[in-house]
Amino acid sequence: MHFETKEDTDSPIAEAFAAVTDFESFERSAIRRGVEVHRNGDGSTAPEDLSWDVVFMFRGSERKMRLEILEYDAPNVVVFSATGSGMMGELRVDLMALSSQRTRMTVRLDLRPKTLAARLLVQSLKLARNKLNRKFRKRVAEFAMLIEERQTQIA
């Protein structure tokens, strides 16, 4: 299953990349939503060496997942890999400077089932594909707005 969207933000590429790689902020946000987050590695290690073990509830079942950084090319690309609960996924965020104060963010999410149960889950998600696409685009647009708000607070 594949999701992709593009958003333009009125902020420099360095600021957008800093927001995309603000891992502490994402960890706090997940914890507020009831996700157990355990970071492997600390801030002093290279970003590529960071990984997270997360436990969360989804559709009434507890899911365990391992998140790792596959690619980290500042300020252009960051790619995350997620494995667990019979599912594999990849989240890719590409940033492209349109001008010195404008950045295009392309976000791609690919989910691949590895077990029969995961295939059934993905099949049920495909039935709601349009709604999930709208939610995905909305969340990415909200994140782009957040990046712009951060930029205006700094300036």
Protein backbone atom coordinates (compact mmCIF):
# COMPACT_ATOMS: atom_id res chain seq x y z
CA MET A 1 0.00 0.00 0.00
CA HIS A 2 1.43 3.35 -1.04
CA PHE A 3 0.70 6.91 0.03
CA GLU A 4 2.39 10.00 -1.36
CA THR A 5 1.85 13.73 -1.09
CA LYS A 6 3.72 16.98 -1.71
CA GLU A 7 3.52 20.18 0.29
CA ASP A 8 5.27 23.51 -0.17
CA THR A 9 6.31 25.42 2.90
CA ASP A 10 7.50 29.00 3.32
CA SER A 11 10.69 28.13 5.15
CA PRO A 12 14.31 27.47 4.18
CA ILE A 13 15.29 23.88 3.49
CA ALA A 14 17.55 23.77 6.57
CA GLU A 15 14.64 24.73 8.84
CA ALA A 16 12.35 22.18 7.20
CA PHE A 17 14.97 19.44 7.61
CA ALA A 18 15.49 20.41 11.25
CA ALA A 19 11.74 20.00 11.84
CA VAL A 20 11.61 16.66 10.02
CA THR A 21 14.51 15.34 12.09
CA ASP A 22 13.37 16.72 15.46
CA PHE A 23 13.15 13.20 16.87
CA GLU A 24 12.64 14.31 20.49
CA SER A 25 9.51 16.21 19.48
CA PHE A 26 8.10 13.18 17.65
CA GLU A 27 8.88 10.95 20.64
CA ARG A 28 7.02 13.29 23.01
CA SER A 29 4.07 13.49 20.63
CA ALA A 30 3.85 9.68 20.41
CA ILE A 31 4.07 9.29 24.19
CA ARG A 32 1.24 11.80 24.62
CA ARG A 33 -0.86 9.58 22.35
CA GLY A 34 -0.23 6.52 24.51
CA VAL A 35 2.61 4.94 22.54
CA GLU A 36 5.47 3.33 24.47
CA VAL A 37 8.71 4.63 22.96
CA HIS A 38 12.21 3.35 23.71
CA ARG A 39 15.08 5.04 21.91
CA ASN A 40 18.16 2.96 21.10
CA GLY A 41 21.18 5.22 20.89
CA ASP A 42 21.55 8.75 22.17
CA GLY A 43 21.87 12.21 20.70
CA SER A 44 25.64 11.92 20.43
CA THR A 45 25.51 9.02 17.96
CA ALA A 46 25.19 9.49 14.23
CA PRO A 47 21.55 9.80 13.13
CA GLU A 48 21.89 6.62 11.04
CA ASP A 49 22.62 4.68 14.26
CA LEU A 50 19.36 5.72 15.95
CA SER A 51 16.45 3.33 16.25
CA TRP A 52 13.27 3.12 18.29
CA ASP A 53 11.24 0.26 19.71
CA VAL A 54 7.59 1.26 19.94
CA VAL A 55 4.49 -0.46 21.29
CA PHE A 56 1.01 0.86 20.47
CA MET A 57 -2.60 -0.21 20.18
CA PHE A 58 -4.08 -0.41 16.69
CA ARG A 59 -7.52 -1.81 15.90
CA GLY A 60 -7.77 -3.34 19.35
CA SER A 61 -4.45 -5.20 19.23
CA GLU A 62 -1.08 -4.36 20.69
CA ARG A 63 1.49 -3.82 17.95
CA LYS A 64 5.26 -3.80 18.38
CA MET A 65 7.44 -2.08 15.86
CA ARG A 66 11.09 -1.24 15.34
CA LEU A 67 11.88 2.05 13.59
CA GLU A 68 15.31 2.67 12.09
CA ILE A 69 16.86 5.40 10.00
CA LEU A 70 17.89 3.95 6.64
CA GLU A 71 19.14 7.11 4.98
CA TYR A 72 20.07 10.51 6.37
CA ASP A 73 21.29 13.05 3.82
CA ALA A 74 21.00 16.52 5.35
CA PRO A 75 19.22 18.65 4.26
CA ASN A 76 17.62 16.66 1.45
CA VAL A 77 16.42 13.20 2.48
CA VAL A 78 15.57 11.14 5.51
CA VAL A 79 14.25 7.58 5.18
CA PHE A 80 12.80 5.51 8.01
CA SER A 81 12.20 1.77 8.03
CA ALA A 82 9.56 0.13 10.24
CA THR A 83 9.33 -3.60 10.89
CA GLY A 84 7.16 -5.63 13.18
CA SER A 85 3.78 -7.29 13.68
CA GLY A 86 4.01 -8.98 10.28
CA MET A 87 4.38 -5.68 8.47
CA MET A 88 7.21 -3.71 6.91
CA GLY A 89 7.07 -0.08 5.99
CA GLU A 90 9.21 2.72 4.68
CA LEU A 91 8.68 6.43 5.21
CA ARG A 92 10.66 8.70 2.90
CA VAL A 93 10.78 12.48 3.25
CA ASP A 94 12.43 14.36 0.37
CA LEU A 95 13.06 18.09 0.64
CA MET A 96 13.80 20.31 -2.33
CA ALA A 97 14.65 24.00 -2.10
CA LEU A 98 12.40 25.96 -4.45
CA SER A 99 14.03 29.22 -3.37
CA SER A 100 16.00 30.44 -0.38
CA GLN A 101 12.76 30.78 1.64
CA ARG A 102 10.57 28.05 0.09
CA THR A 103 10.84 24.27 0.30
CA ARG A 104 8.89 21.42 -1.28
CA MET A 105 8.40 18.41 0.98
CA THR A 106 7.50 15.07 -0.62
CA VAL A 107 6.39 12.38 1.81
CA ARG A 108 6.02 8.73 0.74
CA LEU A 109 4.78 5.86 2.88
CA ASP A 110 4.92 2.26 1.67
CA LEU A 111 3.42 -0.59 3.69
CA ARG A 112 4.15 -4.23 2.86
CA PRO A 113 2.50 -7.14 4.68
CA LYS A 114 4.62 -10.19 5.55
CA THR A 115 2.01 -12.46 7.13
CA LEU A 116 -1.53 -13.49 6.29
CA ALA A 117 -2.91 -11.47 9.21
CA ALA A 118 -1.01 -8.41 7.99
CA ARG A 119 -2.33 -8.97 4.46
CA LEU A 120 -5.86 -8.96 5.83
CA LEU A 121 -5.13 -5.75 7.73
CA VAL A 122 -3.73 -4.06 4.62
CA GLN A 123 -6.70 -5.30 2.59
CA SER A 124 -9.07 -3.68 5.08
CA LEU A 125 -7.04 -0.47 4.87
CA LYS A 126 -7.32 -0.56 1.07
CA LEU A 127 -11.10 -0.49 1.42
CA ALA A 128 -10.74 2.86 3.17
CA ARG A 129 -7.96 4.08 0.87
CA ASN A 130 -9.60 7.39 -0.12
CA LYS A 131 -10.27 8.34 3.49
CA LEU A 132 -6.73 7.36 4.51
CA ASN A 133 -5.27 9.34 1.59
CA ARG A 134 -7.20 12.43 2.72
CA LYS A 135 -6.00 11.95 6.31
CA PHE A 136 -2.41 11.45 5.16
CA ARG A 137 -2.47 14.61 3.02
CA LYS A 138 -4.09 16.57 5.85
CA ARG A 139 -1.47 15.48 8.39
CA VAL A 140 1.40 16.34 6.06
CA ALA A 141 -0.19 19.74 5.32
CA GLU A 142 -0.56 20.37 9.07
CA PHE A 143 3.09 19.47 9.56
CA ALA A 144 4.10 21.88 6.78
CA MET A 145 2.10 24.63 8.53
CA LEU A 146 3.86 23.76 11.80
CA ILE A 147 7.22 24.19 10.08
CA GLU A 148 6.13 27.63 8.85
CA GLU A 149 4.93 28.60 12.34
CA ARG A 150 8.28 27.57 13.80
CA GLN A 151 10.02 29.70 11.20
CA THR A 152 7.92 32.79 12.01
CA GLN A 153 8.57 32.34 15.75
CA ILE A 154 12.32 32.23 15.13
CA ALA A 155 12.32 35.28 12.83
